[in-house]
Amino acid sequence: MVISGDKGLSAATRRQLEKELDSLRAQRAALSPQPGELERTGDAADQADVIDRAEAAARLDRQIADLSAKMEHGAANSSLVPDGTKVSLRFDDGDEETLQVVTVPGEDPDAVTSDSPLGLALVGAKEGDKVTYRTPRGEITVTVVKLTPPKG
């Protein structure tokens, strides 16, 4: 696969995608049938195990294809807040929080995905704007203190 440019993905997101792809490929390799395994006849439990492994492998193949497409083509929706954007928000109680917008969820607790309710509420927002988004506990309104687009 040839990847040209960053395709709108931050370096951190690219690293996260590569790490996830490596993990998925390792899981997929572990599910591959051993030579002669499919030709052997066994009891129903053996056959069920082979079917379960084939279904798991197919699921992993789809995930690998999806992530590979993101790596090659970038974010699917260019109308979202760009990957790598930093946003500082002020909540109604006065607390401020700085988050990084990401395309792919990872391990960073200070990240928000671009297609999450907050990420979608930030589309088109400018410093000083109030945005409202829905959470499981109801709607929240925040003030955008600062938006810093990714360097690039």
Protein backbone atom coordinates (compact mmCIF):
# COMPACT_ATOMS: atom_id res chain seq x y z
CA MET A 1 0.00 0.00 0.00
CA VAL A 2 1.35 3.41 -0.95
CA ILE A 3 0.46 6.24 1.36
CA SER A 4 1.02 9.75 0.10
CA GLY A 5 0.83 12.69 2.46
CA ASP A 6 -0.93 12.60 5.80
CA LYS A 7 -4.47 12.40 4.34
CA GLY A 8 -5.73 14.67 7.12
CA LEU A 9 -4.58 12.35 9.89
CA SER A 10 -2.38 13.57 12.71
CA ALA A 11 0.89 11.79 13.47
CA ALA A 12 -0.64 10.47 16.70
CA THR A 13 -3.63 9.07 14.83
CA ARG A 14 -1.37 7.46 12.22
CA ARG A 15 0.64 5.81 15.02
CA GLN A 16 -2.58 4.63 16.69
CA LEU A 17 -3.86 3.18 13.40
CA GLU A 18 -0.55 1.42 12.74
CA LYS A 19 -0.52 -0.04 16.25
CA GLU A 20 -4.11 -1.23 15.90
CA LEU A 21 -3.43 -2.71 12.45
CA ASP A 22 -0.41 -4.62 13.80
CA SER A 23 -2.55 -6.01 16.62
CA LEU A 24 -5.39 -7.02 14.29
CA ARG A 25 -2.98 -8.67 11.85
CA ALA A 26 -1.41 -10.67 14.69
CA GLN A 27 -4.86 -11.80 15.86
CA ARG A 28 -5.76 -12.73 12.28
CA ALA A 29 -2.57 -14.75 11.82
CA ALA A 30 -3.34 -16.70 15.01
CA LEU A 31 -6.72 -17.70 13.57
CA SER A 32 -5.34 -19.02 10.29
CA PRO A 33 -5.96 -22.75 9.88
CA GLN A 34 -2.96 -25.01 10.22
CA PRO A 35 -1.98 -27.14 7.20
CA GLY A 36 -4.45 -29.99 6.78
CA GLU A 37 -6.74 -28.71 9.53
CA LEU A 38 -9.69 -28.09 7.22
CA GLU A 39 -9.44 -31.54 5.64
CA ARG A 40 -9.63 -33.38 8.93
CA THR A 41 -13.00 -34.63 9.94
CA GLY A 42 -13.92 -34.37 13.54
CA ASP A 43 -16.89 -34.26 15.78
CA ALA A 44 -19.43 -31.45 15.80
CA ALA A 45 -17.44 -29.50 18.39
CA ASP A 46 -14.36 -29.50 16.13
CA GLN A 47 -16.46 -28.36 13.18
CA ALA A 48 -18.09 -25.63 15.27
CA ASP A 49 -14.65 -24.41 16.36
CA VAL A 50 -13.51 -24.16 12.74
CA ILE A 51 -16.67 -22.19 11.85
CA ASP A 52 -16.24 -19.86 14.85
CA ARG A 53 -12.63 -19.20 13.89
CA ALA A 54 -13.59 -18.52 10.28
CA GLU A 55 -16.24 -16.01 11.39
CA ALA A 56 -13.76 -14.30 13.74
CA ALA A 57 -11.21 -14.18 10.93
CA ALA A 58 -13.76 -12.60 8.58
CA ARG A 59 -14.56 -9.96 11.23
CA LEU A 60 -10.86 -9.20 11.64
CA ASP A 61 -10.43 -9.00 7.86
CA ARG A 62 -13.18 -6.34 7.71
CA GLN A 63 -11.58 -4.34 10.54
CA ILE A 64 -8.17 -4.55 8.85
CA ALA A 65 -9.67 -3.39 5.56
CA ASP A 66 -11.46 -0.46 7.26
CA LEU A 67 -8.33 0.72 9.07
CA SER A 68 -6.19 0.25 5.97
CA ALA A 69 -8.64 2.42 4.03
CA LYS A 70 -8.41 5.13 6.70
CA MET A 71 -4.61 4.99 6.48
CA GLU A 72 -4.69 5.23 2.69
CA HIS A 73 -7.52 7.69 2.18
CA GLY A 74 -7.66 9.59 5.46
CA ALA A 75 -10.73 10.74 7.30
CA ALA A 76 -13.92 9.72 5.54
CA ASN A 77 -15.69 13.03 6.15
CA SER A 78 -13.76 16.20 5.46
CA SER A 79 -16.61 18.32 6.86
CA LEU A 80 -15.64 17.27 10.41
CA VAL A 81 -13.22 19.11 12.68
CA PRO A 82 -9.72 18.22 11.41
CA ASP A 83 -7.82 15.45 13.16
CA GLY A 84 -5.27 16.91 15.58
CA THR A 85 -7.20 20.10 16.35
CA LYS A 86 -6.82 21.20 19.97
CA VAL A 87 -9.85 22.79 21.59
CA SER A 88 -10.13 24.46 24.98
CA LEU A 89 -13.64 24.50 26.43
CA ARG A 90 -15.19 26.27 29.42
CA PHE A 91 -18.05 24.49 31.12
CA ASP A 92 -20.95 26.19 32.91
CA ASP A 93 -19.34 25.51 36.30
CA GLY A 94 -16.24 27.47 35.20
CA ASP A 95 -13.98 24.45 34.68
CA GLU A 96 -11.84 24.52 31.56
CA GLU A 97 -10.61 21.49 29.69
CA THR A 98 -8.34 21.13 26.67
CA LEU A 99 -9.03 18.22 24.34
CA GLN A 100 -7.57 16.98 21.10
CA VAL A 101 -9.90 16.04 18.25
CA VAL A 102 -9.05 12.65 16.76
CA THR A 103 -10.45 10.61 13.92
CA VAL A 104 -9.78 7.25 15.56
CA PRO A 105 -10.35 6.69 19.27
CA GLY A 106 -7.24 5.68 21.13
CA GLU A 107 -5.88 5.56 24.63
CA ASP A 108 -5.68 9.34 25.19
CA PRO A 109 -8.21 10.33 27.87
CA ASP A 110 -8.02 13.96 26.68
CA ALA A 111 -9.23 13.14 23.18
CA VAL A 112 -12.62 13.52 21.58
CA THR A 113 -13.51 11.85 18.28
CA SER A 114 -14.53 14.11 15.44
CA ASP A 115 -17.78 12.20 14.92
CA SER A 116 -18.82 12.19 18.60
CA PRO A 117 -21.65 14.48 19.76
CA LEU A 118 -19.10 17.04 21.02
CA GLY A 119 -16.94 16.69 17.91
CA LEU A 120 -19.97 17.26 15.68
CA ALA A 121 -21.08 20.25 17.79
CA LEU A 122 -17.66 21.84 17.21
CA VAL A 123 -18.00 21.83 13.41
CA GLY A 124 -17.87 25.46 12.29
CA ALA A 125 -17.41 26.79 15.84
CA LYS A 126 -15.09 29.70 16.54
CA GLU A 127 -13.48 31.02 19.70
CA GLY A 128 -16.14 32.54 21.94
CA ASP A 129 -18.99 30.45 20.48
CA LYS A 130 -21.28 28.42 22.72
CA VAL A 131 -22.00 24.90 21.51
CA THR A 132 -24.50 22.41 22.86
CA TYR A 133 -24.20 18.65 22.61
CA ARG A 134 -26.07 15.67 23.99
CA THR A 135 -24.62 13.30 26.58
CA PRO A 136 -26.22 10.31 28.32
CA ARG A 137 -27.02 12.67 31.21
CA GLY A 138 -28.62 15.32 29.00
CA GLU A 139 -27.52 18.35 27.02
CA ILE A 140 -24.39 20.29 27.92
CA THR A 141 -23.45 23.75 26.70
CA VAL A 142 -19.80 24.79 26.61
CA THR A 143 -17.95 27.88 25.47
CA VAL A 144 -15.12 27.45 22.97
CA VAL A 145 -12.18 29.26 24.57
CA LYS A 146 -9.57 28.39 21.96
CA LEU A 147 -9.34 26.32 18.76
CA THR A 148 -5.90 25.44 17.43
CA PRO A 149 -5.89 23.68 14.06
CA PRO A 150 -3.31 20.96 13.48
CA LYS A 151 0.07 22.00 12.16
CA GLY A 152 0.58 20.91 8.77
